[in-house]
C-alpha cells in the first residue's frame, strides 16, 4: 500500500515515509546514525560479568539479540536496569547451560504479575568482583497485549529483520535495529492505547512519550510516519503516526487492524477485547492490592519476585566493631533491587525491636552497671533468705532477660516465616544457647537457678534459647578480626577480654557446625561486602 493512499484526508504538508521489513531510514531521519550505533561502548560502567556472558554466547553460537534502546542498555550493562534478551527457541538449552556455569539464578514472579507468561524468564547473573548482579529478561517469543495480559507472541528471533552490533569491552553484542525497535514499540502500544470512541487519532500518553522520543522518527513536525508489518501468508498491516506540537498521535483504525492481525496470527480469531480487558483488570487489581498489603504488613505476603529455590535466612555473627549492621544493611539493599529481601535484628542495641523493651532499656541503661554489681554482691543464700534490695533487682533483671528472650524468639520465628514466603532475610546477629552473656545468648546468672521463683524464669529463658538453637539459619557467616580493628572502629565499646571470649565462643560454634563460614572483617567495607555477597549467592 502506498504512503500517499494511507495519508489521504490528512492535512499534513510533509511527505510520508515508510518503514517495512528490510527497509531502513536515512541517517538524517533516524536521529541515531549507523556510526553512533556501531561505536564501542568502552566508556560504559559495565559489569565484567556482562562481557563474560556475551563472549560465552558468541563462542557458543547462540542466536540472540538485545531488544531495547541504547539509553537503557547502558544502565542494564551496569547492573542498574534490566537487559531484554531475545533468544531463539532452539538455543534455550545452551543458554541455560551457559548462565548456570556463570552461577546464574532464575527468579519466580507472582502469578498475577504482568511478566508471568510462557517464553519469558527472569535470570540473574552475579558479579562477585563488584558485589552486584545483572538482571536478564529472557524472551523466547516477545509477547504483546494488555499490561497484565501479554498472551500474543507477536515477535520471535526470526521476525527481527536486522541486528546491529555494538562493542562492549571488546565483545560484539547484537542490538535490534531502529526499524525493528519501532515495530516492537508500536505493537506494544497498540494493545494499551485508549481513547474516547469518537476520536480517530490517539495521543501517546506520558508513560509512552519518553519511549517513543528515543526512537528514530522524523525530526520535522507535522510529518507522517508509516510502519508496515508483514505477517504469515503475505498479509500486511500499516500504522500511521503523526508528530505535532503536542507530541505523537496514532490512527485508531490502524491500531485496531494491527491488533486483529496479531490475534489471528496467534490463533485467536474471535473477539477477545472484553476478555483481555477483564482479565487484565482483575490481575492488576490483585497485584496492586498485594503490593499495598506488602507495604502495610511487610513479610506477611509473598514478594513480587523470589529465587526459584525459595527464601533464605542468612545470619551475620561477630563481636562489636566487625561491621555486622553496616553489611546487613548493604546486602539488604543489593538483594532488594529485584528480590524480596528483609532485614532482621536479634540484638538489644540500636536496631529495631519491641517498643516496650526499648522504652525500659532507655530508663535502665544509665543504672545498668550499678544494678549488675548490686546483684553480684548478693550471693544466692542471702537472696533466698530475704528479699532485700538486691533480691528485687535480681528479679527485675531476670524478668528483663526473659523479655529479651521472648523478643529474640519472635524475631527468629518471623525470619523463618519470611523465608518460607520467598524472602531473603539478612539477620544482624543470631542467638546461641551454649554460653551465657556472650553473642546474644542467655543472660540470667547461674547462681539464681537455686532461688524459688527466679529459677522458674531461668528455666523458661533456657528453654526459649534451646528452641531458637533448633531454628538455625540456612547460612551462618562469622565476621572475625583482631581486637585492634574493633577498637579502631568502635573505641571503648568492648574490652579485649570480652572480645577474645566472643572469638573463642565463635570457634566453638564452628567446631560444632562445619557449615559455618568465616569472613575476614579487617578488610574494607567493599571487600567484605563482596565476599559476603559471594557466599550468599552461592548458597541461594
Protein backbone atom coordinates (compact mmCIF):
# COMPACT_ATOMS: atom_id res chain seq x y z
CA UNK A 1 0.00 0.00 0.00
CA UNK A 2 1.40 3.37 -0.98
CA UNK A 3 2.11 6.01 1.62
CA UNK A 4 0.08 8.60 -0.30
CA UNK A 5 -3.02 6.44 -0.11
CA UNK A 6 -2.58 5.89 3.60
CA UNK A 7 -2.37 9.62 4.32
CA UNK A 8 -5.38 10.60 2.24
CA UNK A 9 -7.52 13.07 4.16
CA UNK A 10 -4.73 14.16 6.50
CA UNK A 11 -3.80 17.83 6.44
CA UNK A 12 -0.04 17.40 6.70
CA UNK A 13 2.45 19.04 4.34
CA UNK A 14 5.39 16.71 4.82
CA UNK A 15 5.67 13.58 2.65
CA UNK A 16 5.05 10.23 4.28
CA UNK A 17 7.87 7.78 4.90
CA UNK A 18 7.57 4.01 5.01
CA UNK A 19 9.36 1.60 7.33
CA UNK A 20 8.93 -2.04 6.42
CA UNK A 21 10.76 -5.30 6.57
CA UNK A 22 14.24 -4.82 5.16
CA UNK A 23 13.83 -1.05 4.65
CA UNK A 24 15.98 1.43 6.58
CA UNK A 25 15.74 5.16 7.14
CA UNK A 26 18.22 7.79 6.15
CA UNK A 27 20.71 8.92 8.77
CA UNK A 28 19.18 12.36 8.94
CA UNK A 29 15.77 10.89 9.78
CA UNK A 30 16.96 8.16 12.09
CA UNK A 31 18.24 10.50 14.80
CA UNK A 32 20.88 7.88 15.69
CA UNK A 33 23.38 7.29 12.93
CA UNK A 34 24.85 3.96 11.97
CA UNK A 35 28.23 5.21 13.15
CA UNK A 36 26.82 6.02 16.57
CA UNK A 37 25.28 2.54 17.00
CA UNK A 38 28.48 0.78 15.94
CA UNK A 39 30.65 2.92 18.18
CA UNK A 40 32.31 0.95 21.01
CA UNK A 41 30.76 1.40 24.45
CA UNK A 42 34.05 1.08 26.31
CA UNK A 43 33.19 4.09 28.48
CA UNK A 44 30.11 2.36 29.91
CA UNK A 45 30.44 1.27 33.55
CA UNK A 46 29.57 -2.28 32.50
CA UNK A 47 29.94 -5.09 34.99
CA UNK A 48 32.68 -7.56 34.00
CA UNK A 49 30.16 -10.41 34.10
CA UNK A 50 28.29 -8.78 31.19
CA UNK A 51 31.18 -9.07 28.75
CA UNK A 52 31.99 -12.54 30.03
CA UNK A 53 28.41 -13.66 29.45
CA UNK A 54 28.10 -12.22 25.94
CA UNK A 55 31.50 -13.62 25.00
CA UNK A 56 30.27 -17.08 26.03
CA UNK A 57 27.10 -16.55 23.99
CA UNK A 58 29.11 -15.65 20.90
CA UNK A 59 31.54 -18.55 21.29
CA UNK A 60 28.63 -21.00 21.59
CA UNK A 61 26.95 -19.57 18.51
CA UNK A 62 23.76 -18.56 20.30
CA UNK A 63 21.18 -16.76 18.19
CA UNK A 64 20.23 -13.87 20.44
CA UNK A 65 19.92 -10.10 20.49
CA UNK A 66 19.17 -7.15 22.77
CA UNK A 67 15.72 -5.67 22.14
CA UNK A 68 15.98 -2.34 23.95
CA UNK A 69 17.27 1.14 23.21
CA UNK A 70 20.87 2.14 23.88
CA UNK A 71 19.90 4.57 26.65
CA UNK A 72 18.52 1.83 28.91
CA UNK A 73 21.13 -0.66 27.67
CA UNK A 74 23.82 1.42 29.32
CA UNK A 75 22.15 1.06 32.72
CA UNK A 76 21.41 -2.60 32.09
CA UNK A 77 25.05 -3.46 31.48
CA UNK A 78 25.98 -1.62 34.66
CA UNK A 79 23.51 -3.62 36.75
CA UNK A 80 21.12 -0.71 37.27
CA UNK A 81 18.35 -1.82 34.87
CA UNK A 82 17.01 -4.89 33.09
CA UNK A 83 18.56 -6.39 29.95
CA UNK A 84 15.91 -7.57 27.45
CA UNK A 85 17.37 -10.54 25.56
CA UNK A 86 15.50 -12.19 22.67
CA UNK A 87 16.64 -15.79 22.22
CA UNK A 88 15.98 -18.35 19.52
CA UNK A 89 13.92 -21.19 20.96
CA UNK A 90 16.30 -23.88 19.71
CA UNK A 91 19.16 -22.33 21.73
CA UNK A 92 17.34 -22.31 25.07
CA UNK A 93 19.17 -25.37 26.42
CA UNK A 94 22.56 -23.88 25.52
CA UNK A 95 21.53 -20.58 27.15
CA UNK A 96 20.63 -22.34 30.43
CA UNK A 97 23.93 -24.22 30.37
CA UNK A 98 25.95 -21.02 29.96
CA UNK A 99 24.21 -18.98 32.63
CA UNK A 100 24.34 -21.93 35.04
CA UNK A 101 28.12 -22.13 34.64
CA UNK A 102 28.23 -18.42 35.48
CA UNK A 103 26.27 -19.13 38.70
CA UNK A 104 23.06 -17.69 37.25
CA UNK A 105 19.89 -17.86 39.33
CA UNK A 106 16.37 -17.95 37.92
CA UNK A 107 13.65 -15.87 39.57
CA UNK A 108 9.97 -16.65 40.11
CA UNK A 109 7.36 -13.87 39.99
CA UNK A 110 3.85 -13.56 41.38
CA UNK A 111 1.33 -15.35 39.17
CA UNK A 112 -0.69 -12.13 38.76
CA UNK A 113 2.34 -10.12 37.67
CA UNK A 114 2.38 -8.89 34.07
CA UNK A 115 5.67 -10.59 33.14
CA UNK A 116 4.48 -14.09 34.08
CA UNK A 117 3.92 -15.72 30.70
CA UNK A 118 5.27 -18.61 28.67
CA UNK A 119 8.51 -17.86 26.88
CA UNK A 120 9.77 -15.28 29.36
CA UNK A 121 12.05 -15.87 32.34
CA UNK A 122 13.99 -13.74 34.83
CA UNK A 123 17.65 -14.70 35.13
CA UNK A 124 20.19 -13.10 37.45
CA UNK A 125 23.95 -13.34 37.00
CA UNK A 126 26.27 -12.36 39.86
CA UNK A 127 29.42 -10.30 39.51
CA UNK A 128 31.47 -11.30 42.54
CA UNK A 129 34.18 -8.74 41.79
CA UNK A 130 31.64 -5.92 42.20
CA UNK A 131 29.20 -7.48 44.65
CA UNK A 132 26.25 -6.91 42.29
CA UNK A 133 24.23 -8.82 39.71
CA UNK A 134 22.73 -8.48 36.25
CA UNK A 135 19.03 -8.93 35.56
CA UNK A 136 18.19 -10.63 32.26
CA UNK A 137 14.65 -10.55 30.88
CA UNK A 138 14.99 -13.60 28.64
CA UNK A 139 12.37 -13.79 25.88
CA UNK A 140 11.93 -16.80 23.63
CA UNK A 141 8.97 -15.08 21.97
CA UNK A 142 8.26 -11.42 22.61
CA UNK A 143 4.63 -11.14 23.70
CA UNK A 144 2.33 -8.15 23.41
CA UNK A 145 -1.05 -7.41 24.88
CA UNK A 146 -2.51 -5.63 27.87
CA UNK A 147 -0.09 -4.84 30.65
CA UNK A 148 -1.26 -7.82 32.73
CA UNK A 149 -2.46 -9.92 29.78
CA UNK A 150 0.51 -10.48 27.47
CA UNK A 151 -0.53 -13.62 25.62
CA UNK A 152 0.18 -12.82 21.94
CA UNK A 153 3.70 -13.88 20.81
CA UNK A 154 3.98 -11.34 18.01
CA UNK A 155 7.79 -11.45 17.58
CA UNK A 156 10.47 -14.08 17.79
CA UNK A 157 14.12 -14.14 16.81
CA UNK A 158 13.36 -14.93 13.16
CA UNK A 159 10.99 -11.96 12.73
CA UNK A 160 13.70 -9.40 13.54
CA UNK A 161 14.91 -8.25 10.16
CA UNK A 162 18.25 -6.77 11.16
CA UNK A 163 20.63 -6.77 14.13
CA UNK A 164 23.25 -4.08 14.60
CA UNK A 165 26.43 -4.91 16.54
CA UNK A 166 27.81 -2.77 19.33
CA UNK A 167 31.08 -3.30 21.18
CA UNK A 168 31.31 -3.60 24.97
CA UNK A 169 34.73 -4.31 26.47
CA UNK A 170 35.87 -5.84 23.19
CA UNK A 171 32.81 -8.07 22.84
CA UNK A 172 30.33 -7.64 19.98
CA UNK A 173 26.68 -7.61 21.08
CA UNK A 174 23.77 -7.69 18.58
CA UNK A 175 21.19 -4.96 19.22
CA UNK A 176 17.84 -4.59 17.48
CA UNK A 177 17.82 -2.14 14.57
CA UNK A 178 15.89 1.16 14.81
CA UNK A 179 13.27 -0.08 12.32
CA UNK A 180 12.50 -3.22 14.30
CA UNK A 181 12.61 -1.26 17.55
CA UNK A 182 9.85 0.96 16.19
CA UNK A 183 7.77 -2.02 15.07
CA UNK A 184 8.02 -3.63 18.53
CA UNK A 185 7.16 -0.38 20.35
CA UNK A 186 4.13 0.27 18.15
CA UNK A 187 2.83 -3.28 18.58
CA UNK A 188 3.07 -2.91 22.35
CA UNK A 189 1.32 0.45 22.27
CA UNK A 190 -1.46 -0.91 20.04
CA UNK A 191 -2.76 -3.15 22.82
CA UNK A 192 -2.59 -0.46 25.51
CA UNK A 193 -3.92 2.53 23.59
CA UNK A 194 -7.18 4.03 24.82
CA UNK A 195 -9.29 6.99 23.74
CA UNK A 196 -12.89 8.17 23.56
CA UNK A 197 -14.93 6.29 20.92
CA UNK A 198 -15.39 9.29 18.63
CA UNK A 199 -11.69 10.18 18.45
CA UNK A 200 -9.91 8.84 15.35
CA UNK A 201 -6.40 9.86 16.49
CA UNK A 202 -5.00 8.65 19.80
CA UNK A 203 -2.39 10.71 21.61
CA UNK A 204 0.55 8.83 23.07
CA UNK A 205 0.38 9.22 26.84
CA UNK A 206 3.15 10.40 29.12
CA UNK A 207 4.08 6.82 30.01
CA UNK A 208 4.89 6.12 26.33
CA UNK A 209 6.08 9.55 25.20
CA UNK A 210 9.60 9.15 26.58
CA UNK A 211 9.99 5.75 24.96
CA UNK A 212 8.86 6.96 21.53
CA UNK A 213 11.01 10.08 21.87
CA UNK A 214 14.13 7.86 21.82
CA UNK A 215 13.08 6.17 18.59
CA UNK A 216 14.23 7.47 15.17
CA UNK A 217 11.14 9.36 13.98
CA UNK A 218 11.43 12.25 11.54
CA UNK A 219 12.76 15.41 13.14
CA UNK A 220 10.33 17.76 11.37
CA UNK A 221 6.89 18.37 12.83
CA UNK A 222 3.57 17.62 11.08
CA UNK A 223 5.15 14.66 9.23
CA UNK A 224 3.52 11.28 8.73
CA UNK A 225 5.37 8.09 9.51
CA UNK A 226 4.11 4.71 8.28
CA UNK A 227 5.20 1.43 9.84
CA UNK A 228 4.39 -1.79 8.00
CA UNK A 229 4.07 -5.29 9.43
CA UNK A 230 4.36 -8.42 7.29
CA UNK A 231 2.60 -11.48 8.70
CA UNK A 232 2.29 -15.09 7.61
CA UNK A 233 0.51 -15.56 4.32
CA UNK A 234 1.75 -12.25 2.93
CA UNK A 235 -0.73 -10.16 4.92
CA UNK A 236 0.49 -6.59 5.54
CA UNK A 237 -0.74 -4.09 8.11
CA UNK A 238 0.35 -0.46 8.23
CA UNK A 239 0.08 2.09 11.03
CA UNK A 240 0.22 5.88 10.62
CA UNK A 241 1.84 8.13 13.22
CA UNK A 242 1.84 11.93 13.15
CA UNK A 243 4.08 14.27 15.10
CA UNK A 244 2.76 17.67 16.09
CA UNK A 245 3.39 20.33 18.70
CA UNK A 246 1.55 18.31 21.36
CA UNK A 247 3.51 15.14 20.80
CA UNK A 248 2.72 11.97 18.88
CA UNK A 249 -0.69 10.73 17.68
CA UNK A 250 -1.65 7.45 16.01
CA UNK A 251 -4.63 6.47 13.88
CA UNK A 252 -7.18 4.47 15.84
CA UNK A 253 -8.28 2.28 12.90
CA UNK A 254 -4.71 1.29 12.06
CA UNK A 255 -4.08 0.12 15.61
CA UNK A 256 -7.31 -1.88 15.58
CA UNK A 257 -6.30 -3.63 12.37
CA UNK A 258 -2.87 -4.38 13.83
CA UNK A 259 -4.41 -5.90 16.95
CA UNK A 260 -6.75 -8.10 14.92
CA UNK A 261 -3.91 -9.25 12.67
CA UNK A 262 -1.72 -10.22 15.63
CA UNK A 263 -4.57 -12.14 17.24
CA UNK A 264 -5.29 -14.01 14.02
CA UNK A 265 -1.64 -14.96 13.57
CA UNK A 266 -1.57 -16.27 17.15
CA UNK A 267 -4.70 -18.37 16.54
CA UNK A 268 -7.29 -16.16 18.25
CA UNK A 269 -9.86 -15.50 15.55
CA UNK A 270 -12.75 -14.24 17.70
CA UNK A 271 -13.19 -11.02 19.60
CA UNK A 272 -11.13 -11.01 22.76
CA UNK A 273 -11.15 -7.30 23.63
CA UNK A 274 -13.53 -7.61 26.58
CA UNK A 275 -11.95 -10.83 27.87
CA UNK A 276 -8.44 -9.39 27.74
CA UNK A 277 -9.50 -6.17 29.43
CA UNK A 278 -11.38 -8.02 32.18
CA UNK A 279 -8.52 -10.39 32.95
CA UNK A 280 -6.04 -7.51 32.85
CA UNK A 281 -8.17 -5.51 35.30
CA UNK A 282 -8.54 -8.46 37.68
CA UNK A 283 -4.84 -9.26 37.68
CA UNK A 284 -3.80 -5.64 38.07
CA UNK A 285 -6.22 -5.15 40.94
CA UNK A 286 -4.84 -8.24 42.66
CA UNK A 287 -1.27 -7.12 42.06
CA UNK A 288 -1.84 -3.59 43.39
CA UNK A 289 -3.67 -4.96 46.43
CA UNK A 290 -0.80 -7.32 47.22
CA UNK A 291 1.78 -4.58 46.78
CA UNK A 292 -0.18 -2.30 49.11
CA UNK A 293 -0.50 -5.04 51.72
CA UNK A 294 3.23 -5.77 51.44
CA UNK A 295 3.98 -2.14 52.33
CA UNK A 296 1.48 -2.11 55.18
CA UNK A 297 2.42 -5.55 56.56
CA UNK A 298 5.96 -6.42 55.42
CA UNK A 299 6.70 -10.12 55.21
CA UNK A 300 3.08 -11.25 55.50
CA UNK A 301 2.65 -11.87 51.78
CA UNK A 302 4.84 -13.39 49.04
CA UNK A 303 7.19 -10.88 47.37
CA UNK A 304 6.89 -9.77 43.79
CA UNK A 305 9.93 -11.82 42.81
CA UNK A 306 11.89 -14.50 44.66
CA UNK A 307 14.66 -17.03 43.88
CA UNK A 308 13.49 -20.23 42.20
CA UNK A 309 14.80 -22.26 45.16
CA UNK A 310 12.72 -20.25 47.64
CA UNK A 311 13.55 -17.97 50.55
CA UNK A 312 16.76 -17.92 52.53
CA UNK A 313 17.89 -16.90 56.04
CA UNK A 314 21.41 -15.50 56.47
CA UNK A 315 22.94 -14.70 59.87
CA UNK A 316 25.92 -12.37 60.35
CA UNK A 317 27.69 -13.02 63.66
CA UNK A 318 30.71 -11.33 65.18
CA UNK A 319 31.99 -9.16 68.04
CA UNK A 320 31.35 -5.43 68.17
CA UNK A 321 33.14 -3.40 65.53
CA UNK A 322 33.12 -6.10 62.83
CA UNK A 323 30.60 -4.21 60.68
CA UNK A 324 27.62 -6.55 61.06
CA UNK A 325 24.95 -3.84 60.95
CA UNK A 326 26.63 -1.99 58.07
CA UNK A 327 26.98 -5.13 55.96
CA UNK A 328 23.44 -6.31 56.76
CA UNK A 329 22.04 -3.03 55.53
CA UNK A 330 24.20 -3.06 52.37
CA UNK A 331 23.28 -6.64 51.50
CA UNK A 332 19.60 -5.92 52.03
CA UNK A 333 19.74 -3.02 49.59
CA UNK A 334 21.64 -5.08 47.00
CA UNK A 335 19.28 -8.06 47.02
CA UNK A 336 16.15 -5.92 47.40
CA UNK A 337 16.76 -4.42 43.94
CA UNK A 338 14.95 -7.37 42.31
CA UNK A 339 14.22 -9.94 45.01
CA UNK A 340 12.03 -9.83 48.07
CA UNK A 341 14.52 -9.10 50.86
CA UNK A 342 14.10 -8.16 54.52
CA UNK A 343 16.44 -7.34 57.40
CA UNK A 344 16.10 -8.69 60.94
CA UNK A 345 17.86 -7.56 64.11
CA UNK A 346 18.31 -10.00 67.00
CA UNK A 347 20.37 -7.83 69.36
CA UNK A 348 19.41 -5.30 72.01
CA UNK A 349 21.32 -2.29 70.70
CA UNK A 350 20.23 0.49 68.37
CA UNK A 351 18.46 -1.79 65.90
CA UNK A 352 14.74 -2.38 65.56
CA UNK A 353 12.93 -4.06 68.44
CA UNK A 354 9.86 -4.13 70.64
CA UNK A 355 8.87 -0.67 71.82
CA UNK A 356 8.37 -1.92 75.40
CA UNK A 357 11.88 -3.31 75.61
CA UNK A 358 13.42 -0.21 74.06
CA UNK A 359 11.49 2.09 76.42
CA UNK A 360 12.58 0.12 79.51
CA UNK A 361 16.12 -0.05 78.20
CA UNK A 362 16.24 3.74 77.89
CA UNK A 363 15.21 4.09 81.54
CA UNK A 364 17.52 1.40 82.95
CA UNK A 365 20.60 1.93 80.80
CA UNK A 366 22.15 4.76 82.91
CA UNK A 367 21.99 2.49 86.03
CA UNK A 368 22.93 -0.75 84.33
CA UNK A 369 26.41 -1.21 85.84
CA UNK A 370 25.30 -0.37 89.39
CA UNK A 371 22.36 -2.78 89.23
CA UNK A 372 24.55 -5.61 87.98
CA UNK A 373 27.10 -5.04 90.72
CA UNK A 374 24.31 -4.98 93.31
CA UNK A 375 23.12 -8.41 92.21
CA UNK A 376 26.62 -9.86 92.01
CA UNK A 377 27.47 -8.76 95.58
CA UNK A 378 24.44 -10.64 96.95
CA UNK A 379 25.04 -14.38 96.88
CA UNK A 380 22.34 -16.93 96.38
CA UNK A 381 22.00 -17.70 100.15
CA UNK A 382 21.30 -14.07 101.10
CA UNK A 383 18.79 -13.72 98.26
CA UNK A 384 16.97 -16.87 99.29
CA UNK A 385 16.74 -15.81 102.99
CA UNK A 386 15.19 -12.39 102.47
CA UNK A 387 14.11 -10.25 99.54
CA UNK A 388 16.36 -7.29 100.14
CA UNK A 389 17.07 -4.56 97.65
CA UNK A 390 19.39 -6.84 95.72
CA UNK A 391 16.72 -9.52 95.56
CA UNK A 392 14.23 -7.22 93.90
CA UNK A 393 16.89 -6.07 91.45
CA UNK A 394 17.75 -9.68 90.63
CA UNK A 395 14.08 -10.47 89.97
CA UNK A 396 13.80 -7.42 87.72
CA UNK A 397 16.89 -8.45 85.77
CA UNK A 398 15.53 -11.98 85.38
CA UNK A 399 12.25 -10.64 84.01
CA UNK A 400 14.26 -8.39 81.72
CA UNK A 401 16.23 -11.39 80.43
CA UNK A 402 13.02 -13.34 79.76
CA UNK A 403 11.56 -10.35 77.89
CA UNK A 404 14.65 -10.23 75.67
CA UNK A 405 14.45 -13.99 75.10
CA UNK A 406 10.82 -13.74 74.01
CA UNK A 407 11.69 -10.88 71.64
CA UNK A 408 14.58 -12.81 70.10
CA UNK A 409 12.44 -15.93 69.78
CA UNK A 410 9.78 -13.89 67.95
CA UNK A 411 12.40 -12.44 65.58
CA UNK A 412 13.86 -15.90 64.84
CA UNK A 413 10.45 -17.41 64.08
CA UNK A 414 9.49 -14.39 61.97
CA UNK A 415 12.69 -14.67 59.92
CA UNK A 416 11.89 -18.27 59.04
CA UNK A 417 8.27 -17.40 58.22
CA UNK A 418 9.51 -14.71 55.84
CA UNK A 419 11.84 -17.24 54.21
CA UNK A 420 9.00 -19.72 53.65
CA UNK A 421 7.18 -16.95 51.76
CA UNK A 422 10.15 -16.45 49.45
CA UNK A 423 12.10 -13.59 51.07
CA UNK A 424 15.85 -13.39 51.51
CA UNK A 425 16.29 -12.49 55.19
CA UNK A 426 19.56 -10.86 56.30
CA UNK A 427 19.88 -11.21 60.09
CA UNK A 428 22.14 -9.00 62.18
CA UNK A 429 23.29 -11.46 64.90
CA UNK A 430 21.75 -14.81 65.86
CA UNK A 431 21.13 -16.27 69.36
CA UNK A 432 23.17 -19.16 70.74
CA UNK A 433 22.45 -21.39 73.77
CA UNK A 434 25.98 -22.59 74.64
CA UNK A 435 27.44 -19.78 76.74
CA UNK A 436 25.69 -17.19 78.93
CA UNK A 437 26.30 -13.50 78.48
CA UNK A 438 28.01 -13.67 75.07
CA UNK A 439 26.85 -13.47 71.45
CA UNK A 440 23.17 -12.91 72.26
CA UNK A 441 22.89 -15.96 74.50
CA UNK A 442 21.07 -16.39 77.85
CA UNK A 443 21.83 -13.71 80.44
CA UNK A 444 20.37 -14.91 83.81
CA UNK A 445 23.35 -15.73 86.08
CA UNK A 446 23.71 -19.41 87.12
CA UNK A 447 23.58 -18.66 90.87
CA UNK A 448 19.94 -17.54 90.51
CA UNK A 449 18.78 -21.01 89.42
CA UNK A 450 18.51 -22.21 93.04
CA UNK A 451 16.23 -19.38 94.16
CA UNK A 452 12.47 -20.15 94.12
CA UNK A 453 10.66 -18.01 91.56
CA UNK A 454 13.82 -16.91 89.83
CA UNK A 455 14.69 -20.49 88.96
CA UNK A 456 11.45 -20.80 87.00
CA UNK A 457 12.35 -17.70 84.99
CA UNK A 458 15.85 -19.06 84.38
CA UNK A 459 14.48 -22.38 83.12
CA UNK A 460 11.99 -20.54 80.88
CA UNK A 461 14.81 -18.49 79.39
CA UNK A 462 16.87 -21.61 78.82
CA UNK A 463 14.01 -23.37 77.01
CA UNK A 464 13.49 -20.36 74.73
CA UNK A 465 17.14 -20.32 73.70
CA UNK A 466 17.12 -24.07 73.12
CA UNK A 467 14.16 -23.65 70.77
CA UNK A 468 16.00 -20.86 68.98
CA UNK A 469 19.04 -23.11 68.63
CA UNK A 470 16.84 -25.60 66.74
CA UNK A 471 15.80 -22.89 64.22
CA UNK A 472 19.18 -22.50 62.60
CA UNK A 473 19.67 -20.09 59.67
CA UNK A 474 20.31 -21.54 56.24
CA UNK A 475 23.70 -19.80 56.13
CA UNK A 476 25.80 -18.55 59.05
CA UNK A 477 28.72 -16.19 58.42
CA UNK A 478 31.23 -15.33 61.15
CA UNK A 479 33.00 -11.96 60.88
CA UNK A 480 36.37 -12.20 62.62
CA UNK A 481 39.35 -9.89 63.03
CA UNK A 482 41.84 -8.58 65.57
CA UNK A 483 40.88 -6.52 68.58
CA UNK A 484 42.74 -3.54 67.12
CA UNK A 485 40.21 -3.36 64.28
CA UNK A 486 37.27 -3.34 66.71
CA UNK A 487 38.93 -0.69 68.86
CA UNK A 488 39.60 1.48 65.84
CA UNK A 489 36.01 1.30 64.58
CA UNK A 490 34.26 1.47 67.97
CA UNK A 491 36.66 2.84 70.59
CA UNK A 492 35.80 1.74 74.12
CA UNK A 493 32.80 -0.33 73.02
CA UNK A 494 34.23 -3.66 74.22
CA UNK A 495 37.19 -4.80 76.35
CA UNK A 496 39.86 -7.09 74.95
CA UNK A 497 38.93 -9.90 77.38
CA UNK A 498 35.30 -9.82 76.24
CA UNK A 499 36.39 -9.62 72.59
CA UNK A 500 38.63 -12.69 72.92
CA UNK A 501 35.87 -14.56 74.77
CA UNK A 502 33.50 -13.97 71.86
CA UNK A 503 36.07 -15.16 69.33
CA UNK A 504 36.64 -18.33 71.39
CA UNK A 505 32.90 -18.98 71.54
CA UNK A 506 32.61 -18.47 67.78
CA UNK A 507 35.41 -21.01 67.26
CA UNK A 508 33.49 -23.46 69.45
CA UNK A 509 30.34 -22.89 67.39
CA UNK A 510 32.28 -23.56 64.18
CA UNK A 511 33.65 -26.80 65.63
CA UNK A 512 30.08 -27.97 66.27
CA UNK A 513 28.79 -26.83 62.84
CA UNK A 514 31.20 -27.30 59.94
CA UNK A 515 28.90 -25.37 57.58
CA UNK A 516 29.63 -22.03 59.29
CA UNK A 517 31.83 -19.85 57.09
CA UNK A 518 34.45 -17.34 58.28
CA UNK A 519 34.96 -13.89 56.75
CA UNK A 520 37.96 -11.66 57.45
CA UNK A 521 36.36 -8.40 58.62
CA UNK A 522 39.62 -6.44 58.75
CA UNK A 523 39.36 -5.53 55.05
CA UNK A 524 37.42 -2.54 53.75
CA UNK A 525 33.65 -2.33 53.61
CA UNK A 526 33.54 -3.01 49.85
CA UNK A 527 35.86 -6.03 50.03
CA UNK A 528 33.99 -7.59 52.95
CA UNK A 529 30.65 -6.89 51.26
CA UNK A 530 31.79 -8.59 48.05
CA UNK A 531 32.90 -11.68 49.96
CA UNK A 532 29.60 -11.83 51.86
CA UNK A 533 27.68 -11.38 48.61
CA UNK A 534 29.60 -14.26 47.02
CA UNK A 535 28.87 -16.69 49.86
CA UNK A 536 25.18 -15.76 50.00
CA UNK A 537 24.69 -16.02 46.24
CA UNK A 538 26.38 -19.43 46.00
CA UNK A 539 24.06 -20.68 48.75
CA UNK A 540 20.80 -19.49 47.17
